[in-house]
Amino acid sequence: MPEWVLFFVVVVGIPVVAGVGADIFKRWLKFKERQLELTSAQTAEKAAQYATHSDRLEQRVRVLERIVTDKGIVVAEEIERLRDEPLN
């Protein structure tokens, strides 16, 4: 192989291939970062939904605990009041 071909490969070929490879890697990294950002946003949204749902369940359990622990007359009144409330 002539010396000028080897010189051309070392001086021009390797840097060009390395530059293209680096550009591809940078694009891939940006893609992965964006993917993580979207996943993080979705996870935060789901966590907020679960927290809201959990709060509603806690409120309902408190009402049920109060109904169960109150005296009989109060329980009957509470049940009647709940029957009269319109359904959402």
C-alpha atoms as a PDB file:
ATOM      1  CA  MET A   1       0.000   0.000   0.000  1.00  0.00           C
ATOM      2  CA  PRO A   2       1.442   3.378  -0.922  1.00  0.00           C
ATOM      3  CA  GLU A   3       2.435   5.707   1.882  1.00  0.00           C
ATOM      4  CA  TRP A   4       0.169   8.541   0.715  1.00  0.00           C
ATOM      5  CA  VAL A   5      -2.924   6.284   1.111  1.00  0.00           C
ATOM      6  CA  LEU A   6      -1.968   5.411   4.674  1.00  0.00           C
ATOM      7  CA  PHE A   7      -1.273   9.089   5.370  1.00  0.00           C
ATOM      8  CA  PHE A   8      -4.690  10.039   3.900  1.00  0.00           C
ATOM      9  CA  VAL A   9      -6.499   7.427   6.021  1.00  0.00           C
ATOM     10  CA  VAL A  10      -4.788   8.568   9.226  1.00  0.00           C
ATOM     11  CA  VAL A  11      -5.025  12.320   8.629  1.00  0.00           C
ATOM     12  CA  VAL A  12      -8.446  12.532   6.970  1.00  0.00           C
ATOM     13  CA  GLY A  13     -10.341   9.255   7.364  1.00  0.00           C
ATOM     14  CA  ILE A  14     -10.085   8.660  11.106  1.00  0.00           C
ATOM     15  CA  PRO A  15     -11.046  12.239  12.131  1.00  0.00           C
ATOM     16  CA  VAL A  16     -14.028  12.248   9.747  1.00  0.00           C
ATOM     17  CA  VAL A  17     -15.309   8.911  11.048  1.00  0.00           C
ATOM     18  CA  ALA A  18     -14.744  10.040  14.657  1.00  0.00           C
ATOM     19  CA  GLY A  19     -16.604  13.308  14.015  1.00  0.00           C
ATOM     20  CA  VAL A  20     -19.591  11.575  12.467  1.00  0.00           C
ATOM     21  CA  GLY A  21     -19.624   9.041  15.307  1.00  0.00           C
ATOM     22  CA  ALA A  22     -19.515  11.817  17.904  1.00  0.00           C
ATOM     23  CA  ASP A  23     -22.422  13.620  16.213  1.00  0.00           C
ATOM     24  CA  ILE A  24     -24.498  10.437  16.174  1.00  0.00           C
ATOM     25  CA  PHE A  25     -23.726   9.856  19.844  1.00  0.00           C
ATOM     26  CA  LYS A  26     -24.736  13.424  20.759  1.00  0.00           C
ATOM     27  CA  ARG A  27     -28.067  13.039  18.952  1.00  0.00           C
ATOM     28  CA  TRP A  28     -28.714   9.723  20.668  1.00  0.00           C
ATOM     29  CA  LEU A  29     -27.928  11.303  24.048  1.00  0.00           C
ATOM     30  CA  LYS A  30     -30.363  14.196  23.398  1.00  0.00           C
ATOM     31  CA  PHE A  31     -33.021  11.669  22.418  1.00  0.00           C
ATOM     32  CA  LYS A  32     -32.502   9.705  25.643  1.00  0.00           C
ATOM     33  CA  GLU A  33     -32.619  12.904  27.743  1.00  0.00           C
ATOM     34  CA  ARG A  34     -35.909  13.914  26.131  1.00  0.00           C
ATOM     35  CA  GLN A  35     -37.276  10.431  26.704  1.00  0.00           C
ATOM     36  CA  LEU A  36     -36.377  10.662  30.403  1.00  0.00           C
ATOM     37  CA  GLU A  37     -37.991  14.103  30.691  1.00  0.00           C
ATOM     38  CA  LEU A  38     -41.255  12.791  29.251  1.00  0.00           C
ATOM     39  CA  THR A  39     -41.214   9.742  31.503  1.00  0.00           C
ATOM     40  CA  SER A  40     -40.543  11.956  34.513  1.00  0.00           C
ATOM     41  CA  ALA A  41     -43.453  14.255  33.631  1.00  0.00           C
ATOM     42  CA  GLN A  42     -45.815  11.300  33.230  1.00  0.00           C
ATOM     43  CA  THR A  43     -44.680   9.811  36.527  1.00  0.00           C
ATOM     44  CA  ALA A  44     -45.229  13.102  38.358  1.00  0.00           C
ATOM     45  CA  GLU A  45     -48.719  13.413  36.889  1.00  0.00           C
ATOM     46  CA  LYS A  46     -49.634   9.878  37.950  1.00  0.00           C
ATOM     47  CA  ALA A  47     -48.271  10.506  41.450  1.00  0.00           C
ATOM     48  CA  ALA A  48     -50.488  13.584  41.756  1.00  0.00           C
ATOM     49  CA  GLN A  49     -53.513  11.597  40.624  1.00  0.00           C
ATOM     50  CA  TYR A  50     -52.775   8.841  43.139  1.00  0.00           C
ATOM     51  CA  ALA A  51     -52.352  11.408  45.919  1.00  0.00           C
ATOM     52  CA  THR A  52     -55.726  12.978  45.104  1.00  0.00           C
ATOM     53  CA  HIS A  53     -57.396   9.581  44.995  1.00  0.00           C
ATOM     54  CA  SER A  54     -55.753   8.605  48.272  1.00  0.00           C
ATOM     55  CA  ASP A  55     -57.005  11.814  49.934  1.00  0.00           C
ATOM     56  CA  ARG A  56     -60.564  11.104  48.815  1.00  0.00           C
ATOM     57  CA  LEU A  57     -60.372   7.562  50.151  1.00  0.00           C
ATOM     58  CA  GLU A  58     -59.029   8.806  53.489  1.00  0.00           C
ATOM     59  CA  GLN A  59     -61.939  11.244  53.796  1.00  0.00           C
ATOM     60  CA  ARG A  60     -64.432   8.480  53.092  1.00  0.00           C
ATOM     61  CA  VAL A  61     -62.810   6.194  55.655  1.00  0.00           C
ATOM     62  CA  ARG A  62     -62.976   8.974  58.268  1.00  0.00           C
ATOM     63  CA  VAL A  63     -66.688   9.411  57.612  1.00  0.00           C
ATOM     64  CA  LEU A  64     -67.243   5.665  57.911  1.00  0.00           C
ATOM     65  CA  GLU A  65     -65.225   5.507  61.136  1.00  0.00           C
ATOM     66  CA  ARG A  66     -67.248   8.357  62.577  1.00  0.00           C
ATOM     67  CA  ILE A  67     -70.511   6.667  61.594  1.00  0.00           C
ATOM     68  CA  VAL A  68     -69.436   3.380  63.139  1.00  0.00           C
ATOM     69  CA  THR A  69     -68.183   4.892  66.398  1.00  0.00           C
ATOM     70  CA  ASP A  70     -71.108   7.291  67.001  1.00  0.00           C
ATOM     71  CA  LYS A  71     -74.105   6.306  69.093  1.00  0.00           C
ATOM     72  CA  GLY A  72     -77.007   4.457  67.491  1.00  0.00           C
ATOM     73  CA  ILE A  73     -79.339   7.453  67.141  1.00  0.00           C
ATOM     74  CA  VAL A  74     -76.661   9.518  65.458  1.00  0.00           C
ATOM     75  CA  VAL A  75     -75.878   6.618  63.102  1.00  0.00           C
ATOM     76  CA  ALA A  76     -79.515   6.371  62.050  1.00  0.00           C
ATOM     77  CA  GLU A  77     -79.668  10.128  61.408  1.00  0.00           C
ATOM     78  CA  GLU A  78     -76.432  10.007  59.424  1.00  0.00           C
ATOM     79  CA  ILE A  79     -77.689   7.141  57.281  1.00  0.00           C
ATOM     80  CA  GLU A  80     -80.920   8.982  56.567  1.00  0.00           C
ATOM     81  CA  ARG A  81     -79.019  12.157  55.700  1.00  0.00           C
ATOM     82  CA  LEU A  82     -76.781  10.218  53.302  1.00  0.00           C
ATOM     83  CA  ARG A  83     -79.820   8.634  51.644  1.00  0.00           C
ATOM     84  CA  ASP A  84     -81.289  12.074  50.994  1.00  0.00           C
ATOM     85  CA  GLU A  85     -78.114  13.429  49.338  1.00  0.00           C
ATOM     86  CA  PRO A  86     -78.186  13.419  45.536  1.00  0.00           C
ATOM     87  CA  LEU A  87     -75.709  11.116  43.803  1.00  0.00           C
ATOM     88  CA  ASN A  88     -72.868  12.797  41.905  1.00  0.00           C
END
